PDB file of N, CA and C in Angstrom:
ATOM      1  N   MET A   1      17.110 -21.301  11.361  1.00  0.00           N
ATOM      2  CA  MET A   1      16.819 -20.795  11.958  1.00  0.00           C
ATOM      3  C   MET A   1      17.413 -19.456  12.261  1.00  0.00           C
ATOM      4  N   MET A   2      19.023 -20.515  11.626  1.00  0.00           N
ATOM      5  CA  MET A   2      20.350 -19.114  12.215  1.00  0.00           C
ATOM      6  C   MET A   2      20.212 -18.189  11.080  1.00  0.00           C
ATOM      7  N   THR A   3      20.049 -19.179   9.635  1.00  0.00           N
ATOM      8  CA  THR A   3      20.220 -18.205   8.896  1.00  0.00           C
ATOM      9  C   THR A   3      19.005 -16.923   8.829  1.00  0.00           C
ATOM     10  N   LYS A   4      18.055 -17.087   9.266  1.00  0.00           N
ATOM     11  CA  LYS A   4      17.106 -15.779   9.554  1.00  0.00           C
ATOM     12  C   LYS A   4      17.466 -14.904  10.201  1.00  0.00           C
ATOM     13  N   GLN A   5      18.219 -15.359  11.593  1.00  0.00           N
ATOM     14  CA  GLN A   5      19.067 -14.465  12.624  1.00  0.00           C
ATOM     15  C   GLN A   5      19.989 -13.678  11.794  1.00  0.00           C
ATOM     16  N   LYS A   6      20.531 -14.240  10.660  1.00  0.00           N
ATOM     17  CA  LYS A   6      21.994 -13.239  10.160  1.00  0.00           C
ATOM     18  C   LYS A   6      21.648 -12.547   9.029  1.00  0.00           C
ATOM     19  N   GLN A   7      20.054 -12.940   8.333  1.00  0.00           N
ATOM     20  CA  GLN A   7      19.204 -11.901   7.917  1.00  0.00           C
ATOM     21  C   GLN A   7      19.101 -10.560   8.534  1.00  0.00           C
ATOM     22  N   LEU A   8      18.647 -11.009   9.562  1.00  0.00           N
ATOM     23  CA  LEU A   8      18.042  -9.615  10.681  1.00  0.00           C
ATOM     24  C   LEU A   8      18.987  -8.985  11.055  1.00  0.00           C
ATOM     25  N   ASN A   9      19.989  -9.723  11.663  1.00  0.00           N
ATOM     26  CA  ASN A   9      21.328  -8.983  11.911  1.00  0.00           C
ATOM     27  C   ASN A   9      21.966  -8.292  10.758  1.00  0.00           C
ATOM     28  N   LEU A  10      22.028  -8.573   9.280  1.00  0.00           N
ATOM     29  CA  LEU A  10      22.517  -7.908   8.223  1.00  0.00           C
ATOM     30  C   LEU A  10      21.660  -6.560   8.446  1.00  0.00           C
ATOM     31  N   LEU A  11      20.222  -6.818   8.234  1.00  0.00           N
ATOM     32  CA  LEU A  11      19.236  -5.429   7.890  1.00  0.00           C
ATOM     33  C   LEU A  11      19.625  -4.708   8.989  1.00  0.00           C
ATOM     34  N   GLY A  12      20.207  -4.817  10.356  1.00  0.00           N
ATOM     35  CA  GLY A  12      20.290  -3.743  10.857  1.00  0.00           C
ATOM     36  C   GLY A  12      21.519  -3.186  10.833  1.00  0.00           C
ATOM     37  N   LEU A  13      22.722  -3.991  10.477  1.00  0.00           N
ATOM     38  CA  LEU A  13      23.915  -3.589   9.864  1.00  0.00           C
ATOM     39  C   LEU A  13      23.961  -2.582   8.600  1.00  0.00           C
ATOM     40  N   ALA A  14      23.017  -2.726   7.614  1.00  0.00           N
ATOM     41  CA  ALA A  14      22.807  -1.986   6.678  1.00  0.00           C
ATOM     42  C   ALA A  14      22.228  -0.693   7.062  1.00  0.00           C
ATOM     43  N   GLN A  15      21.362  -0.605   7.589  1.00  0.00           N
ATOM     44  CA  GLN A  15      20.395   0.016   8.369  1.00  0.00           C
ATOM     45  C   GLN A  15      21.595   1.425   8.922  1.00  0.00           C
ATOM     46  N   ARG A  16      22.513   0.638  10.226  1.00  0.00           N
ATOM     47  CA  ARG A  16      23.532   1.590  10.632  1.00  0.00           C
ATOM     48  C   ARG A  16      24.326   2.413   9.548  1.00  0.00           C
ATOM     49  N   ALA A  17      24.839   1.198   8.525  1.00  0.00           N
ATOM     50  CA  ALA A  17      25.495   1.945   7.465  1.00  0.00           C
ATOM     51  C   ALA A  17      24.983   2.587   6.365  1.00  0.00           C
ATOM     52  N   SER A  18      23.807   3.162   6.574  1.00  0.00           N
ATOM     53  CA  SER A  18      22.904   3.671   5.602  1.00  0.00           C
ATOM     54  C   SER A  18      22.741   3.422   4.132  1.00  0.00           C
ATOM     55  N   LYS A  19      23.140   1.985   4.152  1.00  0.00           N
ATOM     56  CA  LYS A  19      22.465   1.124   2.945  1.00  0.00           C
ATOM     57  C   LYS A  19      20.962   0.645   2.703  1.00  0.00           C
ATOM     58  N   LEU A  20      20.394   1.364   3.453  1.00  0.00           N
ATOM     59  CA  LEU A  20      19.021   0.600   3.744  1.00  0.00           C
ATOM     60  C   LEU A  20      18.001   1.776   3.533  1.00  0.00           C
ATOM     61  N   LEU A  21      17.158   1.345   2.818  1.00  0.00           N
ATOM     62  CA  LEU A  21      15.626   2.503   2.670  1.00  0.00           C
ATOM     63  C   LEU A  21      14.767   1.456   3.489  1.00  0.00           C
ATOM     64  N   SER A  22      13.547   2.441   4.207  1.00  0.00           N
ATOM     65  CA  SER A  22      12.511   1.399   4.578  1.00  0.00           C
ATOM     66  C   SER A  22      11.704   2.451   4.484  1.00  0.00           C
ATOM     67  N   GLY A  23      10.237   2.123   4.563  1.00  0.00           N
ATOM     68  CA  GLY A  23       8.873   2.459   4.498  1.00  0.00           C
ATOM     69  C   GLY A  23       8.375   2.552   2.831  1.00  0.00           C
ATOM     70  N   ASP A  24       7.241   2.124   2.947  1.00  0.00           N
ATOM     71  CA  ASP A  24       6.381   1.852   1.660  1.00  0.00           C
ATOM     72  C   ASP A  24       7.039   3.192   0.251  1.00  0.00           C
ATOM     73  N   GLU A  25       6.461   3.968   0.401  1.00  0.00           N
ATOM     74  CA  GLU A  25       6.961   5.046  -0.255  1.00  0.00           C
ATOM     75  C   GLU A  25       8.498   5.153  -0.672  1.00  0.00           C
ATOM     76  N   ARG A  26       9.041   5.303   0.106  1.00  0.00           N
ATOM     77  CA  ARG A  26      10.805   5.326  -0.073  1.00  0.00           C
ATOM     78  C   ARG A  26      11.508   4.422  -0.957  1.00  0.00           C
ATOM     79  N   VAL A  27      10.538   3.114  -0.418  1.00  0.00           N
ATOM     80  CA  VAL A  27      11.319   1.824  -0.987  1.00  0.00           C
ATOM     81  C   VAL A  27      10.267   1.719  -2.529  1.00  0.00           C
ATOM     82  N   GLU A  28       9.112   1.974  -2.779  1.00  0.00           N
ATOM     83  CA  GLU A  28       8.680   1.593  -4.101  1.00  0.00           C
ATOM     84  C   GLU A  28       9.302   2.738  -5.175  1.00  0.00           C
ATOM     85  N   LYS A  29       9.639   4.088  -4.567  1.00  0.00           N
ATOM     86  CA  LYS A  29      10.755   4.479  -5.589  1.00  0.00           C
ATOM     87  C   LYS A  29      11.707   4.336  -5.998  1.00  0.00           C
ATOM     88  N   ALA A  30      12.537   3.793  -4.900  1.00  0.00           N
ATOM     89  CA  ALA A  30      13.888   3.276  -5.181  1.00  0.00           C
ATOM     90  C   ALA A  30      13.918   2.016  -6.064  1.00  0.00           C
ATOM     91  N   VAL A  31      12.775   1.306  -6.023  1.00  0.00           N
ATOM     92  CA  VAL A  31      12.600   0.401  -7.139  1.00  0.00           C
ATOM     93  C   VAL A  31      12.254   0.519  -8.457  1.00  0.00           C
ATOM     94  N   LYS A  32      11.556   1.714  -8.742  1.00  0.00           N
ATOM     95  CA  LYS A  32      11.355   2.146  -9.829  1.00  0.00           C
ATOM     96  C   LYS A  32      12.453   2.415 -10.647  1.00  0.00           C
ATOM     97  N   HIS A  33      13.240   3.376  -9.563  1.00  0.00           N
ATOM     98  CA  HIS A  33      14.567   3.849  -9.983  1.00  0.00           C
ATOM     99  C   HIS A  33      16.119   3.123 -10.112  1.00  0.00           C
ATOM    100  N   ARG A  34      15.488   1.573  -9.542  1.00  0.00           N
ATOM    101  CA  ARG A  34      16.494   0.665  -9.845  1.00  0.00           C
ATOM    102  C   ARG A  34      17.780   1.037  -8.695  1.00  0.00           C
ATOM    103  N   GLN A  35      17.741   1.542  -7.359  1.00  0.00           N
ATOM    104  CA  GLN A  35      18.371   1.868  -6.443  1.00  0.00           C
ATOM    105  C   GLN A  35      18.700   1.156  -5.470  1.00  0.00           C
ATOM    106  N   VAL A  36      17.649   0.367  -5.266  1.00  0.00           N
ATOM    107  CA  VAL A  36      17.774  -0.894  -4.414  1.00  0.00           C
ATOM    108  C   VAL A  36      18.186  -2.349  -5.272  1.00  0.00           C
ATOM    109  N   HIS A  37      18.713  -3.200  -4.456  1.00  0.00           N
ATOM    110  CA  HIS A  37      19.860  -4.543  -4.837  1.00  0.00           C
ATOM    111  C   HIS A  37      18.759  -5.780  -4.476  1.00  0.00           C
ATOM    112  N   LEU A  38      17.955  -5.419  -3.397  1.00  0.00           N
ATOM    113  CA  LEU A  38      16.766  -6.335  -2.535  1.00  0.00           C
ATOM    114  C   LEU A  38      15.764  -5.258  -1.815  1.00  0.00           C
ATOM    115  N   VAL A  39      14.747  -6.177  -2.185  1.00  0.00           N
ATOM    116  CA  VAL A  39      13.395  -5.541  -1.282  1.00  0.00           C
ATOM    117  C   VAL A  39      13.023  -6.887  -0.049  1.00  0.00           C
ATOM    118  N   VAL A  40      12.536  -6.342   0.705  1.00  0.00           N
ATOM    119  CA  VAL A  40      12.504  -7.428   2.248  1.00  0.00           C
ATOM    120  C   VAL A  40      10.865  -7.056   2.029  1.00  0.00           C
ATOM    121  N   VAL A  41      10.229  -7.870   1.975  1.00  0.00           N
ATOM    122  CA  VAL A  41       8.571  -7.525   2.259  1.00  0.00           C
ATOM    123  C   VAL A  41       7.949  -8.606   3.361  1.00  0.00           C
ATOM    124  N   ALA A  42       7.403  -7.826   4.605  1.00  0.00           N
ATOM    125  CA  ALA A  42       7.136  -9.059   5.699  1.00  0.00           C
ATOM    126  C   ALA A  42       6.143 -10.111   4.996  1.00  0.00           C
ATOM    127  N   SER A  43       6.452 -11.130   5.492  1.00  0.00           N
ATOM    128  CA  SER A  43       5.398 -11.822   5.616  1.00  0.00           C
ATOM    129  C   SER A  43       4.055 -11.542   5.594  1.00  0.00           C
ATOM    130  N   ASP A  44       3.635 -10.991   6.660  1.00  0.00           N
ATOM    131  CA  ASP A  44       2.463 -10.485   6.927  1.00  0.00           C
ATOM    132  C   ASP A  44       1.938  -9.459   6.417  1.00  0.00           C
ATOM    133  N   THR A  45       2.387  -9.043   5.710  1.00  0.00           N
ATOM    134  CA  THR A  45       1.920  -7.734   4.789  1.00  0.00           C
ATOM    135  C   THR A  45       0.650  -8.211   3.768  1.00  0.00           C
ATOM    136  N   SER A  46      -0.079  -7.338   3.871  1.00  0.00           N
ATOM    137  CA  SER A  46      -1.496  -7.551   3.157  1.00  0.00           C
ATOM    138  C   SER A  46      -1.077  -8.261   1.876  1.00  0.00           C
ATOM    139  N   SER A  47      -1.345  -9.451   1.165  1.00  0.00           N
ATOM    140  CA  SER A  47      -1.112 -10.064  -0.386  1.00  0.00           C
ATOM    141  C   SER A  47      -1.252  -8.690  -1.646  1.00  0.00           C
ATOM    142  N   LYS A  48      -1.973  -8.012  -1.290  1.00  0.00           N
ATOM    143  CA  LYS A  48      -2.144  -6.672  -2.358  1.00  0.00           C
ATOM    144  C   LYS A  48      -0.630  -5.896  -2.125  1.00  0.00           C
ATOM    145  N   THR A  49      -0.229  -5.547  -0.866  1.00  0.00           N
ATOM    146  CA  THR A  49       1.243  -4.939  -1.060  1.00  0.00           C
ATOM    147  C   THR A  49       2.051  -6.035  -1.567  1.00  0.00           C
ATOM    148  N   GLN A  50       2.309  -7.247  -0.879  1.00  0.00           N
ATOM    149  CA  GLN A  50       3.588  -8.272  -1.491  1.00  0.00           C
ATOM    150  C   GLN A  50       3.038  -8.312  -3.094  1.00  0.00           C
ATOM    151  N   ASP A  51       2.079  -8.602  -3.726  1.00  0.00           N
ATOM    152  CA  ASP A  51       2.157  -8.726  -4.804  1.00  0.00           C
ATOM    153  C   ASP A  51       2.206  -7.479  -5.581  1.00  0.00           C
ATOM    154  N   ARG A  52       2.076  -5.873  -5.637  1.00  0.00           N
ATOM    155  CA  ARG A  52       2.572  -5.100  -6.003  1.00  0.00           C
ATOM    156  C   ARG A  52       3.906  -5.015  -5.657  1.00  0.00           C
ATOM    157  N   TYR A  53       4.676  -5.359  -4.870  1.00  0.00           N
ATOM    158  CA  TYR A  53       6.300  -5.252  -4.852  1.00  0.00           C
ATOM    159  C   TYR A  53       7.067  -6.442  -5.647  1.00  0.00           C
ATOM    160  N   GLN A  54       6.259  -7.280  -5.581  1.00  0.00           N
ATOM    161  CA  GLN A  54       6.441  -9.062  -6.404  1.00  0.00           C
ATOM    162  C   GLN A  54       7.025  -8.162  -7.959  1.00  0.00           C
ATOM    163  N   VAL A  55       5.264  -7.738  -8.346  1.00  0.00           N
ATOM    164  CA  VAL A  55       5.145  -7.187  -9.874  1.00  0.00           C
ATOM    165  C   VAL A  55       6.538  -5.837 -10.415  1.00  0.00           C
ATOM    166  N   LEU A  56       6.450  -4.868  -9.182  1.00  0.00           N
ATOM    167  CA  LEU A  56       7.525  -3.893  -9.376  1.00  0.00           C
ATOM    168  C   LEU A  56       8.906  -4.205  -9.308  1.00  0.00           C
ATOM    169  N   ALA A  57       9.352  -5.323  -8.466  1.00  0.00           N
ATOM    170  CA  ALA A  57      10.390  -5.534  -8.435  1.00  0.00           C
ATOM    171  C   ALA A  57      10.603  -6.506  -9.588  1.00  0.00           C
ATOM    172  N   GLN A  58       9.869  -7.710 -10.396  1.00  0.00           N
ATOM    173  CA  GLN A  58      10.082  -8.283 -11.367  1.00  0.00           C
ATOM    174  C   GLN A  58      10.653  -7.353 -12.533  1.00  0.00           C
ATOM    175  N   LYS A  59      10.092  -6.160 -12.604  1.00  0.00           N
ATOM    176  CA  LYS A  59       9.860  -5.477 -14.062  1.00  0.00           C
ATOM    177  C   LYS A  59      11.540  -5.081 -13.884  1.00  0.00           C
ATOM    178  N   ALA A  60      12.006  -4.728 -12.479  1.00  0.00           N
ATOM    179  CA  ALA A  60      13.402  -4.239 -12.272  1.00  0.00           C
ATOM    180  C   ALA A  60      14.632  -5.326 -12.441  1.00  0.00           C
ATOM    181  N   GLY A  61      13.717  -6.497 -12.008  1.00  0.00           N
ATOM    182  CA  GLY A  61      15.136  -7.634 -11.880  1.00  0.00           C
ATOM    183  C   GLY A  61      15.647  -7.216 -10.478  1.00  0.00           C
ATOM    184  N   ILE A  62      14.465  -6.891  -9.303  1.00  0.00           N
ATOM    185  CA  ILE A  62      15.120  -6.698  -8.003  1.00  0.00           C
ATOM    186  C   ILE A  62      14.290  -8.007  -7.521  1.00  0.00           C
ATOM    187  N   PRO A  63      15.372  -9.021  -6.659  1.00  0.00           N
ATOM    188  CA  PRO A  63      15.335 -10.189  -5.647  1.00  0.00           C
ATOM    189  C   PRO A  63      14.351 -10.125  -4.479  1.00  0.00           C
ATOM    190  N   VAL A  64      12.970 -10.610  -4.264  1.00  0.00           N
ATOM    191  CA  VAL A  64      12.153  -9.894  -3.249  1.00  0.00           C
ATOM    192  C   VAL A  64      12.059 -11.148  -2.164  1.00  0.00           C
ATOM    193  N   CYS A  65      12.620 -10.782  -0.858  1.00  0.00           N
ATOM    194  CA  CYS A  65      12.449 -11.747  -0.050  1.00  0.00           C
ATOM    195  C   CYS A  65      11.098 -11.585   1.059  1.00  0.00           C
ATOM    196  N   ASN A  66      10.528 -12.703   1.239  1.00  0.00           N
ATOM    197  CA  ASN A  66       9.039 -12.811   2.108  1.00  0.00           C
ATOM    198  C   ASN A  66       8.883 -13.679   3.225  1.00  0.00           C
ATOM    199  N   GLN A  67      10.039 -13.972   3.962  1.00  0.00           N
ATOM    200  CA  GLN A  67      10.351 -14.700   4.700  1.00  0.00           C
ATOM    201  C   GLN A  67      10.391 -14.453   6.229  1.00  0.00           C
ATOM    202  N   LEU A  68      10.797 -13.073   6.135  1.00  0.00           N
ATOM    203  CA  LEU A  68      10.358 -12.080   7.663  1.00  0.00           C
ATOM    204  C   LEU A  68       9.160 -11.624   7.886  1.00  0.00           C
ATOM    205  N   THR A  69       8.787 -11.700   9.557  1.00  0.00           N
ATOM    206  CA  THR A  69       7.295 -10.821   9.976  1.00  0.00           C
ATOM    207  C   THR A  69       7.741  -9.779   9.861  1.00  0.00           C
ATOM    208  N   SER A  70       6.912  -8.768   9.935  1.00  0.00           N
ATOM    209  CA  SER A  70       6.847  -7.582  10.072  1.00  0.00           C
ATOM    210  C   SER A  70       7.838  -7.249  11.562  1.00  0.00           C
ATOM    211  N   HIS A  71       7.270  -8.034  12.802  1.00  0.00           N
ATOM    212  CA  HIS A  71       7.776  -7.976  13.965  1.00  0.00           C
ATOM    213  C   HIS A  71       9.461  -8.069  13.998  1.00  0.00           C
ATOM    214  N   GLU A  72       9.679  -9.239  13.347  1.00  0.00           N
ATOM    215  CA  GLU A  72      11.177  -9.381  13.508  1.00  0.00           C
ATOM    216  C   GLU A  72      11.990  -8.145  12.310  1.00  0.00           C
ATOM    217  N   ILE A  73      11.193  -7.617  11.474  1.00  0.00           N
ATOM    218  CA  ILE A  73      11.867  -6.627  10.861  1.00  0.00           C
ATOM    219  C   ILE A  73      12.288  -5.213  11.751  1.00  0.00           C
ATOM    220  N   SER A  74      11.078  -5.005  12.466  1.00  0.00           N
ATOM    221  CA  SER A  74      10.710  -3.983  13.218  1.00  0.00           C
ATOM    222  C   SER A  74      11.600  -4.428  14.255  1.00  0.00           C
ATOM    223  N   GLN A  75      12.292  -5.680  14.882  1.00  0.00           N
ATOM    224  CA  GLN A  75      13.071  -5.507  15.784  1.00  0.00           C
ATOM    225  C   GLN A  75      14.401  -5.139  15.242  1.00  0.00           C
ATOM    226  N   ALA A  76      15.066  -5.856  13.979  1.00  0.00           N
ATOM    227  CA  ALA A  76      16.302  -5.528  13.737  1.00  0.00           C
ATOM    228  C   ALA A  76      16.213  -3.913  13.546  1.00  0.00           C
ATOM    229  N   LEU A  77      15.110  -3.543  13.150  1.00  0.00           N
ATOM    230  CA  LEU A  77      15.721  -2.057  12.562  1.00  0.00           C
ATOM    231  C   LEU A  77      15.310  -1.361  13.701  1.00  0.00           C
ATOM    232  N   GLY A  78      14.786  -1.360  14.586  1.00  0.00           N
ATOM    233  CA  GLY A  78      14.613  -0.507  15.630  1.00  0.00           C
ATOM    234  C   GLY A  78      13.372   0.155  15.701  1.00  0.00           C
ATOM    235  N   LYS A  79      12.398   0.204  14.723  1.00  0.00           N
ATOM    236  CA  LYS A  79      11.564   1.245  14.458  1.00  0.00           C
ATOM    237  C   LYS A  79      10.415   0.291  13.899  1.00  0.00           C
ATOM    238  N   SER A  80       9.140   0.212  13.644  1.00  0.00           N
ATOM    239  CA  SER A  80       8.184  -0.313  13.003  1.00  0.00           C
ATOM    240  C   SER A  80       8.459  -0.313  11.515  1.00  0.00           C
ATOM    241  N   ARG A  81       8.750  -1.228  11.136  1.00  0.00           N
ATOM    242  CA  ARG A  81       8.681  -1.277   9.465  1.00  0.00           C
ATOM    243  C   ARG A  81       8.490  -3.098   8.479  1.00  0.00           C
ATOM    244  N   ARG A  82       7.730  -2.412   8.061  1.00  0.00           N
ATOM    245  CA  ARG A  82       7.247  -3.852   6.840  1.00  0.00           C
ATOM    246  C   ARG A  82       7.591  -4.217   5.751  1.00  0.00           C
ATOM    247  N   ILE A  83       8.417  -3.294   5.013  1.00  0.00           N
ATOM    248  CA  ILE A  83       9.059  -3.010   3.833  1.00  0.00           C
ATOM    249  C   ILE A  83      10.544  -2.119   3.928  1.00  0.00           C
ATOM    250  N   CYS A  84      11.404  -3.141   3.369  1.00  0.00           N
ATOM    251  CA  CYS A  84      13.060  -2.404   3.297  1.00  0.00           C
ATOM    252  C   CYS A  84      13.555  -2.696   2.096  1.00  0.00           C
ATOM    253  N   GLY A  85      14.511  -1.759   1.651  1.00  0.00           N
ATOM    254  CA  GLY A  85      14.976  -2.333   0.632  1.00  0.00           C
ATOM    255  C   GLY A  85      16.680  -2.217   0.900  1.00  0.00           C
ATOM    256  N   ILE A  86      17.574  -3.376   0.337  1.00  0.00           N
ATOM    257  CA  ILE A  86      19.091  -2.667   0.502  1.00  0.00           C
ATOM    258  C   ILE A  86      19.523  -2.339  -0.658  1.00  0.00           C
ATOM    259  N   THR A  87      20.323  -1.059  -0.475  1.00  0.00           N
ATOM    260  CA  THR A  87      20.888  -0.382  -1.225  1.00  0.00           C
ATOM    261  C   THR A  87      22.237  -0.414  -2.173  1.00  0.00           C
ATOM    262  N   ASP A  88      23.028  -1.422  -1.062  1.00  0.00           N
ATOM    263  CA  ASP A  88      24.301  -1.709  -1.743  1.00  0.00           C
ATOM    264  C   ASP A  88      24.335  -3.433  -2.388  1.00  0.00           C
ATOM    265  N   SER A  89      25.012  -3.600  -3.065  1.00  0.00           N
ATOM    266  CA  SER A  89      25.125  -4.460  -3.813  1.00  0.00           C
ATOM    267  C   SER A  89      25.229  -6.134  -3.243  1.00  0.00           C
ATOM    268  N   GLY A  90      26.440  -5.443  -2.566  1.00  0.00           N
ATOM    269  CA  GLY A  90      27.543  -6.602  -1.605  1.00  0.00           C
ATOM    270  C   GLY A  90      26.296  -7.054  -0.524  1.00  0.00           C
ATOM    271  N   MET A  91      25.538  -5.861   0.127  1.00  0.00           N
ATOM    272  CA  MET A  91      25.224  -6.646   1.328  1.00  0.00           C
ATOM    273  C   MET A  91      23.948  -7.597   1.010  1.00  0.00           C
ATOM    274  N   ALA A  92      23.349  -7.228  -0.286  1.00  0.00           N
ATOM    275  CA  ALA A  92      21.981  -7.588  -1.298  1.00  0.00           C
ATOM    276  C   ALA A  92      22.639  -9.612  -1.138  1.00  0.00           C
ATOM    277  N   LYS A  93      23.591  -9.680  -2.012  1.00  0.00           N
ATOM    278  CA  LYS A  93      24.516 -10.569  -2.285  1.00  0.00           C
ATOM    279  C   LYS A  93      24.514 -11.538  -0.781  1.00  0.00           C
ATOM    280  N   THR A  94      25.156 -10.609   0.152  1.00  0.00           N
ATOM    281  CA  THR A  94      25.167 -11.517   1.474  1.00  0.00           C
ATOM    282  C   THR A  94      23.892 -12.198   2.280  1.00  0.00           C
ATOM    283  N   PHE A  95      23.099 -10.919   2.191  1.00  0.00           N
ATOM    284  CA  PHE A  95      21.963 -11.371   2.241  1.00  0.00           C
ATOM    285  C   PHE A  95      20.944 -12.647   1.774  1.00  0.00           C
ATOM    286  N   LEU A  96      21.080 -13.085   0.247  1.00  0.00           N
ATOM    287  CA  LEU A  96      20.677 -13.481  -0.414  1.00  0.00           C
ATOM    288  C   LEU A  96      21.526 -15.052  -0.039  1.00  0.00           C
ATOM    289  N   SER A  97      23.028 -14.942   0.020  1.00  0.00           N
ATOM    290  CA  SER A  97      23.557 -16.039   0.183  1.00  0.00           C
ATOM    291  C   SER A  97      23.447 -16.654   1.468  1.00  0.00           C
ATOM    292  N   TYR A  98      22.685 -15.988   2.805  1.00  0.00           N
ATOM    293  CA  TYR A  98      22.004 -16.602   3.874  1.00  0.00           C
ATOM    294  C   TYR A  98      20.587 -17.274   3.684  1.00  0.00           C
ATOM    295  N   GLY A  99      19.928 -17.355   2.584  1.00  0.00           N
ATOM    296  CA  GLY A  99      18.534 -17.568   2.544  1.00  0.00           C
ATOM    297  C   GLY A  99      18.020 -18.340   1.628  1.00  0.00           C
ATOM    298  N   THR A 100      16.799 -18.586   1.843  1.00  0.00           N
ATOM    299  CA  THR A 100      15.537 -19.087   1.345  1.00  0.00           C
ATOM    300  C   THR A 100      14.492 -18.221   1.164  1.00  0.00           C
ATOM    301  N   GLY A 101      13.543 -18.512   0.281  1.00  0.00           N
ATOM    302  CA  GLY A 101      12.477 -17.471  -0.068  1.00  0.00           C
ATOM    303  C   GLY A 101      12.650 -16.353  -0.494  1.00  0.00           C
ATOM    304  N   VAL A 102      13.368 -16.386  -1.144  1.00  0.00           N
ATOM    305  CA  VAL A 102      14.355 -15.326  -2.459  1.00  0.00           C
ATOM    306  C   VAL A 102      13.661 -15.748  -3.773  1.00  0.00           C
ATOM    307  N   LYS A 103      12.682 -14.823  -4.316  1.00  0.00           N
ATOM    308  CA  LYS A 103      12.668 -15.356  -5.949  1.00  0.00           C
ATOM    309  C   LYS A 103      13.551 -13.875  -6.667  1.00  0.00           C
ATOM    310  N   THR A 104      13.834 -14.783  -7.395  1.00  0.00           N
ATOM    311  CA  THR A 104      14.170 -13.737  -8.853  1.00  0.00           C
ATOM    312  C   THR A 104      15.576 -13.472  -8.554  1.00  0.00           C
ATOM    313  N   MET A 105      16.982 -13.619  -8.788  1.00  0.00           N
ATOM    314  CA  MET A 105      18.410 -12.973  -9.194  1.00  0.00           C
ATOM    315  C   MET A 105      19.120 -12.909  -9.945  1.00  0.00           C
ATOM    316  N   LYS A 106      18.841 -11.963 -10.407  1.00  0.00           N
ATOM    317  CA  LYS A 106      19.849 -11.307 -11.847  1.00  0.00           C
ATOM    318  C   LYS A 106      20.805 -11.311 -11.647  1.00  0.00           C
ATOM    319  N   GLU A 107      21.892 -12.162 -11.993  1.00  0.00           N
ATOM    320  CA  GLU A 107      23.436 -11.689 -12.372  1.00  0.00           C
ATOM    321  C   GLU A 107      23.864 -10.834 -13.479  1.00  0.00           C
TER     322      GLU A 107
END
């Protein structure tokens, strides 16, 4: 449970540092242009959307975390969000070091 809180805190920090993109279209575009180092998709997002991001991120070699709910992500960011992407590689690595449920991290 502690690691999840650390991940949520880091999302909030990334947003305040302008190192976070959120919203479906912005994140999708950033993934296609390899401008994010980590994609966070809410676990309660539709399976269709989760699959789409899994495929997009896999093509780009970007890890995907789907361990957080949309409520948790929204609380951390202070606005309603289901999908976000971390644009800073250091923050993405730190986020990944906290956690579980992450698929594919290419060094």
